Amino acid sequence: MGRKAFFLMLWAMTASLQANTPEPSSHSAQRERSSSQTPELPNPQTPEPPSHSAQRVLSSALAPQPSSYSAQRELPSPLIPKLPTEAVHLGPWTLSGLYGATFNQTLLRNWNAGGQNSLTTGFLLRQSAEYTSETWSANQLLDAAYSLNFQEGIVRKIDDKLEYNLRLDHILSGQPLWKLSGFGSFKTQWYKGYAKPGDPDTAYVSRFMAPAYTIAGLGLTHKNDFVDLYFSPLTAKHTFVRDERLQAQGVFGLQPGQTFRQELGAYLNFRLKRNFPNKISVDFRTNLFGNYLAQPFSIDVDSDLLLVYKATNYLSITLRTQAIYDRDIIVRDSNGDGKLDAPGIQLKQLSGVGLTYNFGAIK
């Protein structure tokens, strides 16, 4: 038994030495070549390095994400149409406009200092249409306004204007700022006017087409970005009174029973229009007419100033002033006997806060 145990111990030691003996270099290189040719599959369980993971999270956080709210906000709404702010071009035509509505109210209840309730409302419209070709151009302007004042059951008209102007221009060769022009104008009012609106027995003193004025002539026009000047040395002016009762009174320079009156003279039309960067726009116009046939020679003046301050896109403050002097319109009592017997300066000033929309520049 001792001999068998000795041989078993010797065999175990030999096997252990063989297991710990290193491989030959040729066998090791061959095994390394075979292992290098086999691609190593990535282990899905292996965690990503922390630097790569942080960079990926930061990139995803900074990347723009789609938002349903922003996409909905950018979609145009079919219920709110977008109004033009620049002039509208239709072929050779260019359209511009100014539309306004004003409101003023005074409401008193048990007011010890006194006063009267009042409401004033009105509208303003200026529509321009310009046709342009290589050598010809046509400028049309419709100017209209109407305002009423309601006070203690009495309705008073405080503004009433209806005017249409047309001018045809032919560009002179080599003179782009000067044009040979033909000018025409028509002016009247919308409704009846009363000298004493509070007196029910007072008859009207003017109405539609009573009076009405037309002007037509040939002349020269000088025009730049802000100033428009027209002068005609020969212009015909007509005054119409299309009302039998007013015709019988012989008003507006007509003899009793006449329906119209004709004058011949010189005409000057000056206009300054400019929009300032501080949201203020100015439109100033002056018309002068001198009658060659009148004795003594006199000049009729009609000036109009429109000042608009736009607080917002549609809310604005409007100031309008008009001054007229016409020798044929009797408005003043010269000797104090209570009767109107002399011409004078007619002055009208309106101001208010209201809604205003304009597009382009009124020509």
Protein backbone atom coordinates (compact mmCIF):
# COMPACT_ATOMS: atom_id res chain seq x y z
CA MET A 1 0.00 0.00 0.00
CA GLY A 2 2.80 2.41 0.62
CA ARG A 3 4.27 1.78 -2.82
CA LYS A 4 0.92 2.50 -4.62
CA ALA A 5 0.41 5.73 -2.72
CA PHE A 6 3.90 6.88 -3.67
CA PHE A 7 3.23 6.35 -7.44
CA LEU A 8 -0.15 8.12 -7.28
CA MET A 9 1.48 11.17 -5.64
CA LEU A 10 4.20 11.22 -8.30
CA TRP A 11 1.61 11.12 -11.16
CA ALA A 12 -0.35 14.01 -9.68
CA MET A 13 2.75 16.18 -9.39
CA THR A 14 3.69 15.45 -13.03
CA ALA A 15 0.23 16.43 -14.30
CA SER A 16 0.36 19.63 -12.31
CA LEU A 17 3.71 20.60 -13.81
CA GLN A 18 2.42 19.99 -17.38
CA ALA A 19 -0.60 22.22 -16.78
CA ASN A 20 1.57 25.12 -15.59
CA THR A 21 4.07 24.83 -18.46
CA PRO A 22 3.67 27.85 -21.03
CA GLU A 23 2.73 27.16 -24.69
CA PRO A 24 5.27 27.39 -27.46
CA SER A 25 5.50 30.79 -29.21
CA SER A 26 4.19 29.41 -32.53
CA HIS A 27 1.03 28.03 -30.93
CA SER A 28 0.44 31.33 -29.07
CA ALA A 29 0.84 33.51 -32.18
CA GLN A 30 -1.50 31.26 -34.15
CA ARG A 31 -4.14 31.55 -31.44
CA GLU A 32 -3.77 35.37 -31.31
CA ARG A 33 -4.19 35.58 -35.12
CA SER A 34 -7.36 33.60 -35.02
CA SER A 35 -8.78 35.68 -32.20
CA SER A 36 -7.96 38.96 -34.01
CA GLN A 37 -9.74 37.82 -37.17
CA THR A 38 -12.93 37.23 -35.26
CA PRO A 39 -14.81 40.55 -34.71
CA GLU A 40 -15.72 41.33 -31.15
CA LEU A 41 -19.43 41.92 -30.72
CA PRO A 42 -20.43 44.85 -28.54
CA ASN A 43 -21.80 44.01 -25.21
CA PRO A 44 -25.22 45.62 -24.73
CA GLN A 45 -24.79 45.46 -21.01
CA THR A 46 -21.59 47.55 -21.08
CA PRO A 47 -22.38 51.07 -19.72
CA GLU A 48 -21.55 54.13 -21.83
CA PRO A 49 -18.72 56.31 -20.58
CA PRO A 50 -20.01 59.19 -18.43
CA SER A 51 -18.59 61.94 -20.70
CA HIS A 52 -20.43 60.63 -23.76
CA SER A 53 -23.69 60.29 -21.85
CA ALA A 54 -23.54 63.86 -20.49
CA GLN A 55 -22.78 65.26 -23.94
CA ARG A 56 -25.74 63.45 -25.46
CA VAL A 57 -28.13 64.71 -22.75
CA LEU A 58 -26.88 68.30 -23.17
CA SER A 59 -27.32 68.18 -26.96
CA SER A 60 -30.84 66.86 -26.69
CA ALA A 61 -31.74 69.57 -24.17
CA LEU A 62 -30.42 72.39 -26.39
CA ALA A 63 -32.00 71.07 -29.59
CA PRO A 64 -35.29 72.91 -30.58
CA GLN A 65 -38.29 70.81 -29.78
CA PRO A 66 -41.53 70.99 -31.83
CA SER A 67 -44.29 72.84 -30.04
CA SER A 68 -47.93 72.49 -30.91
CA TYR A 69 -48.61 75.96 -29.48
CA SER A 70 -46.03 77.74 -31.66
CA ALA A 71 -47.16 75.84 -34.73
CA GLN A 72 -50.72 76.84 -34.03
CA ARG A 73 -49.70 80.47 -33.46
CA GLU A 74 -47.91 80.71 -36.83
CA LEU A 75 -50.93 79.47 -38.77
CA PRO A 76 -52.88 82.36 -40.37
CA SER A 77 -56.33 82.88 -38.96
CA PRO A 78 -59.04 82.95 -41.66
CA LEU A 79 -61.36 84.89 -39.32
CA ILE A 80 -59.09 88.00 -39.07
CA PRO A 81 -58.11 89.27 -42.55
CA LYS A 82 -54.85 91.15 -42.80
CA LEU A 83 -55.44 94.68 -44.05
CA PRO A 84 -52.84 96.24 -46.36
CA THR A 85 -50.57 98.93 -44.97
CA GLU A 86 -48.88 99.87 -48.24
CA ALA A 87 -50.43 101.19 -51.43
CA VAL A 88 -52.39 98.64 -53.47
CA HIS A 89 -51.17 98.19 -57.06
CA LEU A 90 -53.63 96.99 -59.70
CA GLY A 91 -51.83 97.08 -63.03
CA PRO A 92 -51.12 100.75 -63.87
CA TRP A 93 -53.36 101.91 -60.97
CA THR A 94 -52.16 102.68 -57.44
CA LEU A 95 -54.77 102.97 -54.66
CA SER A 96 -54.30 104.69 -51.30
CA GLY A 97 -56.81 105.57 -48.62
CA LEU A 98 -57.51 107.11 -45.24
CA TYR A 99 -60.64 106.20 -43.27
CA GLY A 100 -61.55 107.50 -39.83
CA ALA A 101 -64.39 107.60 -37.33
CA THR A 102 -64.44 109.87 -34.27
CA PHE A 103 -66.51 109.81 -31.09
CA ASN A 104 -66.83 112.34 -28.26
CA GLN A 105 -69.26 112.11 -25.35
CA THR A 106 -70.16 114.18 -22.27
CA LEU A 107 -72.45 112.54 -19.69
CA LEU A 108 -73.63 114.41 -16.57
CA ARG A 109 -75.92 113.24 -13.75
CA ASN A 110 -76.77 115.54 -10.82
CA TRP A 111 -73.69 117.61 -11.61
CA ASN A 112 -73.80 120.67 -9.36
CA ALA A 113 -71.40 122.72 -11.51
CA GLY A 114 -73.81 122.53 -14.44
CA GLY A 115 -73.39 121.45 -18.02
CA GLN A 116 -75.17 119.61 -20.82
CA ASN A 117 -75.01 116.05 -22.09
CA SER A 118 -73.67 115.77 -25.61
CA LEU A 119 -72.52 113.19 -28.13
CA THR A 120 -70.52 113.90 -31.27
CA THR A 121 -69.82 111.33 -33.96
CA GLY A 122 -68.55 111.55 -37.52
CA PHE A 123 -66.50 109.99 -40.26
CA LEU A 124 -63.63 111.03 -42.53
CA LEU A 125 -62.70 109.54 -45.90
CA ARG A 126 -59.90 110.31 -48.33
CA GLN A 127 -59.52 107.89 -51.23
CA SER A 128 -56.82 108.34 -53.86
CA ALA A 129 -56.39 106.55 -57.20
CA GLU A 130 -53.40 107.22 -59.48
CA TYR A 131 -52.88 105.98 -63.03
CA THR A 132 -49.31 106.06 -64.39
CA SER A 133 -47.82 105.41 -67.82
CA GLU A 134 -44.58 106.45 -69.49
CA THR A 135 -45.74 109.95 -70.44
CA TRP A 136 -49.19 110.36 -68.83
CA SER A 137 -50.60 110.15 -65.32
CA ALA A 138 -54.01 110.71 -63.75
CA ASN A 139 -54.62 111.60 -60.10
CA GLN A 140 -58.06 111.28 -58.51
CA LEU A 141 -58.97 112.24 -54.96
CA LEU A 142 -62.29 111.79 -53.15
CA ASP A 143 -62.49 113.84 -49.93
CA ALA A 144 -65.60 113.39 -47.78
CA ALA A 145 -66.56 114.10 -44.17
CA TYR A 146 -69.72 114.28 -42.08
CA SER A 147 -70.25 114.86 -38.34
CA LEU A 148 -73.26 115.37 -36.08
CA ASN A 149 -73.66 116.67 -32.53
CA PHE A 150 -76.53 115.48 -30.31
CA GLN A 151 -77.25 117.80 -27.38
CA GLU A 152 -80.42 118.01 -25.25
CA GLY A 153 -82.61 116.60 -28.03
CA ILE A 154 -81.17 118.93 -30.70
CA VAL A 155 -79.16 117.58 -33.63
CA ARG A 156 -76.56 119.93 -35.08
CA LYS A 157 -74.43 119.34 -38.15
CA ILE A 158 -70.84 120.35 -37.46
CA ASP A 159 -69.04 118.98 -40.54
CA ASP A 160 -70.26 118.33 -44.07
CA LYS A 161 -67.97 117.98 -47.08
CA LEU A 162 -68.05 116.20 -50.43
CA GLU A 163 -65.25 116.97 -52.89
CA TYR A 164 -63.78 115.23 -55.94
CA ASN A 165 -60.59 116.30 -57.76
CA LEU A 166 -59.14 115.03 -61.04
CA ARG A 167 -55.85 116.06 -62.64
CA LEU A 168 -54.33 114.76 -65.89
CA ASP A 169 -50.55 115.24 -66.22
CA HIS A 170 -48.30 115.00 -69.26
CA ILE A 171 -44.58 114.77 -68.45
CA LEU A 172 -42.55 117.41 -70.25
CA SER A 173 -39.46 116.22 -72.09
CA GLY A 174 -36.33 116.71 -70.00
CA GLN A 175 -38.31 118.17 -67.06
CA PRO A 176 -39.45 115.27 -64.81
CA LEU A 177 -40.60 117.63 -62.03
CA TRP A 178 -42.80 119.78 -64.31
CA LYS A 179 -45.92 118.56 -66.07
CA LEU A 180 -48.53 120.02 -68.39
CA SER A 181 -51.82 119.49 -66.57
CA GLY A 182 -55.56 119.68 -66.90
CA PHE A 183 -57.43 120.10 -63.61
CA GLY A 184 -61.07 119.60 -62.65
CA SER A 185 -62.85 119.85 -59.29
CA PHE A 186 -66.38 119.37 -57.94
CA LYS A 187 -67.45 120.39 -54.42
CA THR A 188 -70.76 120.39 -52.54
CA GLN A 189 -72.25 119.07 -49.27
CA TRP A 190 -74.21 115.99 -48.18
CA TYR A 191 -77.24 117.37 -46.36
CA LYS A 192 -79.15 120.50 -45.35
CA GLY A 193 -77.54 123.13 -43.18
CA TYR A 194 -79.41 125.39 -40.73
CA ALA A 195 -78.41 128.74 -39.28
CA LYS A 196 -80.31 128.00 -36.02
CA PRO A 197 -80.76 124.23 -35.59
CA GLY A 198 -82.58 124.69 -32.26
CA ASP A 199 -85.38 126.78 -33.84
CA PRO A 200 -87.95 124.54 -35.60
CA ASP A 201 -89.19 127.49 -37.68
CA THR A 202 -85.75 128.20 -39.14
CA ALA A 203 -85.43 127.27 -42.81
CA TYR A 204 -82.32 125.66 -44.21
CA VAL A 205 -79.63 127.89 -45.71
CA SER A 206 -77.83 125.26 -47.82
CA ARG A 207 -78.27 121.70 -49.05
CA PHE A 208 -76.92 119.17 -51.55
CA MET A 209 -76.11 120.95 -54.87
CA ALA A 210 -77.03 124.29 -53.32
CA PRO A 211 -74.40 125.45 -53.59
CA ALA A 212 -72.11 123.32 -55.75
CA TYR A 213 -68.83 124.49 -57.27
CA THR A 214 -66.96 123.24 -60.33
CA ILE A 215 -63.49 124.31 -61.50
CA ALA A 216 -61.76 123.40 -64.77
CA GLY A 217 -58.56 124.71 -66.32
CA LEU A 218 -55.16 124.10 -67.93
CA GLY A 219 -51.82 124.79 -66.30
CA LEU A 220 -48.49 123.47 -65.00
CA THR A 221 -47.77 121.10 -62.10
CA HIS A 222 -44.59 120.87 -60.04
CA LYS A 223 -44.36 117.77 -57.84
CA ASN A 224 -41.74 116.20 -55.58
CA ASP A 225 -41.86 113.86 -52.59
CA PHE A 226 -43.72 116.26 -50.27
CA VAL A 227 -44.97 119.27 -52.28
CA ASP A 228 -47.57 119.33 -55.04
CA LEU A 229 -48.08 122.70 -56.77
CA TYR A 230 -50.53 123.40 -59.63
CA PHE A 231 -51.03 126.81 -61.31
CA SER A 232 -53.42 127.71 -64.07
CA PRO A 233 -53.56 131.23 -65.56
CA LEU A 234 -56.93 130.49 -67.18
CA THR A 235 -59.57 128.65 -65.15
CA ALA A 236 -63.36 128.59 -65.35
CA LYS A 237 -65.39 128.44 -62.12
CA HIS A 238 -69.13 127.71 -61.94
CA THR A 239 -71.46 128.11 -58.96
CA PHE A 240 -74.74 126.12 -59.01
CA VAL A 241 -77.80 126.54 -56.76
CA ARG A 242 -80.26 123.71 -57.46
CA ASP A 243 -82.98 124.86 -55.07
CA GLU A 244 -85.88 127.15 -56.00
CA ARG A 245 -86.23 128.82 -52.58
CA LEU A 246 -82.51 129.63 -52.38
CA GLN A 247 -82.52 130.76 -56.02
CA ALA A 248 -85.25 133.28 -55.22
CA GLN A 249 -83.11 134.72 -52.39
CA GLY A 250 -80.16 135.37 -54.69
CA VAL A 251 -77.46 133.84 -52.44
CA PHE A 252 -73.90 132.58 -53.08
CA GLY A 253 -73.18 135.40 -55.52
CA LEU A 254 -76.17 134.71 -57.80
CA GLN A 255 -78.85 137.16 -58.77
CA PRO A 256 -82.43 136.31 -57.69
CA GLY A 257 -83.79 133.62 -59.99
CA GLN A 258 -80.40 132.48 -61.34
CA THR A 259 -79.40 128.81 -61.21
CA PHE A 260 -75.66 129.17 -61.86
CA ARG A 261 -72.91 131.74 -62.14
CA GLN A 262 -69.75 131.66 -64.26
CA GLU A 263 -66.36 133.18 -63.41
CA LEU A 264 -63.03 133.31 -65.23
CA GLY A 265 -59.70 133.76 -63.48
CA ALA A 266 -56.41 132.29 -62.26
CA TYR A 267 -56.22 129.28 -59.98
CA LEU A 268 -53.50 127.99 -57.64
CA ASN A 269 -53.54 124.68 -55.77
CA PHE A 270 -50.81 123.98 -53.18
CA ARG A 271 -50.47 120.79 -51.15
CA LEU A 272 -47.95 119.64 -48.55
CA LYS A 273 -48.19 116.08 -47.26
CA ARG A 274 -45.63 114.39 -45.04
CA ASN A 275 -45.44 111.50 -42.58
CA PHE A 276 -43.03 112.05 -39.70
CA PRO A 277 -41.21 109.24 -37.82
CA ASN A 278 -42.99 110.11 -34.53
CA LYS A 279 -46.33 108.78 -35.90
CA ILE A 280 -47.56 112.25 -36.93
CA SER A 281 -48.86 112.90 -40.44
CA VAL A 282 -49.66 116.34 -41.88
CA ASP A 283 -51.82 117.11 -44.92
CA PHE A 284 -52.15 120.82 -45.77
CA ARG A 285 -53.99 122.14 -48.85
CA THR A 286 -54.69 125.66 -50.07
CA ASN A 287 -56.80 126.73 -53.07
CA LEU A 288 -56.67 130.29 -54.42
CA PHE A 289 -58.92 131.66 -57.15
CA GLY A 290 -58.81 135.20 -58.53
CA ASN A 291 -61.74 136.34 -60.68
CA TYR A 292 -60.66 138.51 -63.64
CA LEU A 293 -64.24 139.70 -64.17
CA ALA A 294 -64.84 140.95 -60.62
CA GLN A 295 -64.60 144.62 -59.76
CA PRO A 296 -62.55 145.16 -57.70
CA PHE A 297 -60.27 142.18 -58.16
CA SER A 298 -60.44 139.72 -55.22
CA ILE A 299 -59.08 136.30 -54.34
CA ASP A 300 -61.12 133.47 -52.84
CA VAL A 301 -59.22 131.31 -50.33
CA ASP A 302 -59.98 127.76 -49.18
CA SER A 303 -57.41 126.17 -46.82
CA ASP A 304 -57.60 122.78 -45.12
CA LEU A 305 -55.25 121.24 -42.52
CA LEU A 306 -55.47 117.62 -41.38
CA LEU A 307 -53.21 116.50 -38.52
CA VAL A 308 -53.27 112.84 -37.40
CA TYR A 309 -51.34 111.31 -34.50
CA LYS A 310 -51.48 107.51 -34.47
CA ALA A 311 -51.31 106.20 -30.90
CA THR A 312 -51.68 102.59 -32.12
CA ASN A 313 -52.26 100.93 -35.48
CA TYR A 314 -55.93 101.94 -35.47
CA LEU A 315 -56.43 104.40 -32.58
CA SER A 316 -55.55 108.00 -33.39
CA ILE A 317 -56.08 111.64 -32.46
CA THR A 318 -57.32 113.80 -35.33
CA LEU A 319 -57.24 117.59 -35.68
CA ARG A 320 -58.80 119.24 -38.71
CA THR A 321 -59.02 122.98 -39.44
CA GLN A 322 -60.60 124.66 -42.46
CA ALA A 323 -60.70 128.36 -43.31
CA ILE A 324 -62.68 129.88 -46.21
CA TYR A 325 -62.95 133.39 -47.56
CA ASP A 326 -65.33 133.99 -50.47
CA ARG A 327 -66.47 137.50 -51.31
CA ASP A 328 -69.74 136.15 -52.70
CA ILE A 329 -70.82 134.49 -49.42
CA ILE A 330 -72.39 136.89 -46.91
CA VAL A 331 -71.63 135.83 -43.31
CA ARG A 332 -71.00 139.06 -41.35
CA ASP A 333 -73.05 141.95 -39.97
CA SER A 334 -71.01 145.04 -40.82
CA ASN A 335 -73.26 147.80 -39.36
CA GLY A 336 -74.83 146.08 -36.37
CA ASP A 337 -78.44 146.11 -37.61
CA GLY A 338 -78.84 142.35 -37.18
CA LYS A 339 -78.65 141.55 -40.90
CA LEU A 340 -75.81 139.80 -42.68
CA ASP A 341 -74.47 142.11 -45.36
CA ALA A 342 -70.70 141.47 -45.75
CA PRO A 343 -68.31 138.61 -46.46
CA GLY A 344 -65.94 137.32 -43.82
CA ILE A 345 -63.61 134.51 -42.82
CA GLN A 346 -65.34 131.19 -42.20
CA LEU A 347 -63.44 129.04 -39.69
CA LYS A 348 -64.06 125.43 -38.69
CA GLN A 349 -61.98 123.30 -36.30
CA LEU A 350 -62.66 119.70 -35.32
CA SER A 351 -60.69 117.42 -33.03
CA GLY A 352 -61.37 114.02 -31.55
CA VAL A 353 -60.15 110.55 -30.68
CA GLY A 354 -61.26 107.68 -32.85
CA LEU A 355 -60.42 104.83 -35.15
CA THR A 356 -58.26 105.48 -38.20
CA TYR A 357 -57.05 103.13 -40.91
CA ASN A 358 -54.85 104.17 -43.80
CA PHE A 359 -52.81 102.42 -46.45
CA GLY A 360 -50.26 103.97 -48.78
CA ALA A 361 -49.76 107.71 -49.14
CA ILE A 362 -52.65 109.91 -50.21
CA LYS A 363 -51.68 111.56 -53.51
